[in-house]
Protein backbone atom coordinates (compact mmCIF):
# COMPACT_ATOMS: atom_id res chain seq x y z
CA MET A 1 -0.30 0.23 0.14
CA ASP A 2 1.06 3.40 -1.12
CA GLU A 3 -0.92 6.29 0.13
CA LEU A 4 1.06 8.22 2.10
CA PRO A 5 -1.00 11.83 1.42
CA TYR A 6 -4.13 9.59 2.48
CA ALA A 7 -2.87 8.89 5.70
CA MET A 8 -0.60 11.83 7.06
CA GLN A 9 -3.83 13.47 6.00
CA MET A 10 -5.87 11.59 7.86
CA PHE A 11 -3.72 11.54 10.83
CA GLU A 12 -3.41 15.56 10.75
CA TYR A 13 -6.71 16.03 9.86
CA VAL A 14 -8.19 13.66 12.48
CA ILE A 15 -6.63 11.97 14.47
CA ARG A 16 -4.13 15.22 15.36
CA ASP A 17 -7.43 17.30 16.48
CA GLU A 18 -8.52 14.63 18.78
CA LEU A 19 -5.40 14.36 20.32
CA ASN A 20 -4.82 18.20 21.00
CA GLU A 21 -8.38 18.47 22.19
CA ILE A 22 -8.14 16.14 25.07
CA VAL A 23 -4.53 17.58 25.25
CA SER A 24 -6.29 20.82 25.46
CA TRP A 25 -8.84 19.50 28.46
CA TRP A 26 -6.29 17.57 30.07
CA ILE A 27 -4.21 21.19 30.82
CA GLY A 28 -7.53 22.78 31.38
CA ILE A 29 -8.49 19.98 34.05
CA LYS A 30 -5.16 20.91 35.79
CA ASN A 31 -5.10 23.71 35.82
CA ASN A 32 -8.39 24.63 36.60
CA PHE A 33 -9.51 26.27 33.41
CA GLN A 34 -8.03 29.10 34.25
CA VAL A 35 -5.20 28.23 31.88
CA SER A 36 -4.88 29.48 27.64
CA THR A 37 -3.38 26.41 25.48
CA GLY A 38 -3.18 29.14 22.48
CA LYS A 39 -4.25 28.88 19.17
CA MET A 40 -3.48 25.40 17.91
CA GLY A 41 -2.17 24.00 21.66
CA LYS A 42 1.23 26.61 20.62
CA TYR A 43 1.49 27.21 24.67
CA PHE A 44 0.78 23.23 25.27
CA LYS A 45 4.47 22.82 26.27
CA ASN A 46 4.37 24.93 28.71
CA TYR A 47 1.86 23.27 30.51
CA LEU A 48 2.61 19.52 30.45
CA PRO A 49 5.20 17.59 32.30
CA GLY A 50 7.99 16.54 30.23
CA HIS A 51 7.16 12.85 29.45
CA TYR A 52 3.43 14.26 28.11
CA TRP A 53 5.42 16.40 26.18
CA GLU A 54 7.87 14.51 24.54
CA MET A 55 5.50 11.78 23.35
CA TYR A 56 3.32 14.33 21.46
CA LYS A 57 6.48 15.55 19.57
CA GLU A 58 6.84 12.41 19.31
CA THR A 59 3.03 12.27 17.23
CA TYR A 60 4.47 14.34 14.31
CA SER A 61 6.05 11.90 11.59
CA ASP A 62 8.03 11.60 8.27
CA GLY A 63 7.51 10.44 5.27
CA ASN A 64 8.88 6.88 6.29
CA TYR A 65 6.03 4.13 7.12
CA GLU A 66 8.08 2.86 10.24
CA ASN A 67 8.01 6.07 11.51
CA MET A 68 4.25 6.79 10.79
CA TRP A 69 2.95 3.72 12.47
CA ASN A 70 5.03 4.59 15.34
CA SER A 71 3.11 7.85 15.73
CA ILE A 72 0.17 6.23 15.54
CA PHE A 73 0.62 4.54 19.07
CA VAL A 74 2.23 6.98 20.56
CA ALA A 75 -0.19 9.32 20.14
CA CYS A 76 -2.70 6.20 21.15
CA ASN A 77 -0.39 6.37 23.91
CA LEU A 78 -0.49 9.94 24.56
CA PHE A 79 -4.17 10.23 24.26
CA ARG A 80 -5.41 6.65 26.31
CA ALA A 81 -3.32 8.71 29.06
CA LEU A 82 -4.45 10.94 29.27
CA ALA A 83 -8.42 10.47 28.22
CA LYS A 84 -8.54 8.70 31.27
CA ASP A 85 -7.63 10.68 33.42
CA VAL A 86 -10.09 13.46 32.03
CA ALA A 87 -12.90 10.78 32.53
CA GLN A 88 -11.79 10.42 35.98
CA SER A 89 -11.84 13.17 37.43
CA LEU A 90 -15.18 14.46 35.57
CA SER A 91 -17.38 11.37 37.03
CA TYR A 92 -17.20 9.42 33.73
CA THR A 93 -16.24 6.01 32.43
CA TYR A 94 -13.62 5.84 30.09
CA PRO A 95 -14.10 2.66 27.47
CA ALA A 96 -11.33 0.22 28.09
CA ASP A 97 -13.36 -2.85 26.24
CA ASP A 98 -13.37 -0.09 22.61
CA ASP A 99 -9.95 1.16 23.12
CA LYS A 100 -8.35 -2.62 23.37
CA ASN A 101 -10.31 -3.59 20.86
CA MET A 102 -8.89 -0.38 18.58
CA THR A 103 -5.32 -1.04 19.37
CA LYS A 104 -5.90 -4.65 18.61
CA TYR A 105 -7.05 -3.83 15.29
CA LEU A 106 -4.32 -1.54 14.38
CA GLU A 107 -1.84 -3.62 14.90
CA HIS A 108 -3.31 -6.02 13.01
CA VAL A 109 -3.20 -3.22 10.16
CA ARG A 110 0.86 -3.04 10.42
CA ARG A 111 1.36 -6.12 10.27
CA LEU A 112 -0.75 -7.38 7.34
CA PRO A 113 1.45 -7.56 3.89
CA ALA A 114 1.23 -4.15 2.40
CA ASP A 115 -1.16 -5.26 -0.73
CA ALA A 116 -3.68 -6.87 1.88
CA LYS A 117 -3.57 -3.37 3.93
CA GLU A 118 -6.00 -2.10 0.33
CA ILE A 119 -8.92 -3.97 1.24
CA TYR A 120 -8.70 -1.91 4.59
């Protein structure tokens, strides 16, 4: 499968928006919603602990497919960590089963031979 433009755009315009939203919510909760994360998250670095900021930076990838997959899984791990915290803070239940199934599916697709990915 050679769909780099599609894969990168899906990540940046669909996944990135959701990731940025949960990062903003997490920062808001940790700061009683008294700080701004800035336009397009420009102040994330100021409010995320170092290890979360490093993970966030790792969600940016180059044009290498292996690096892209690594970025996807880092984004999933970061989202999971922050979303669980946000859910607990707001007395919601984190959908762990959905997360587990989605992760299992992504791992499955990642292992498929390149020509088999066309059907997914």
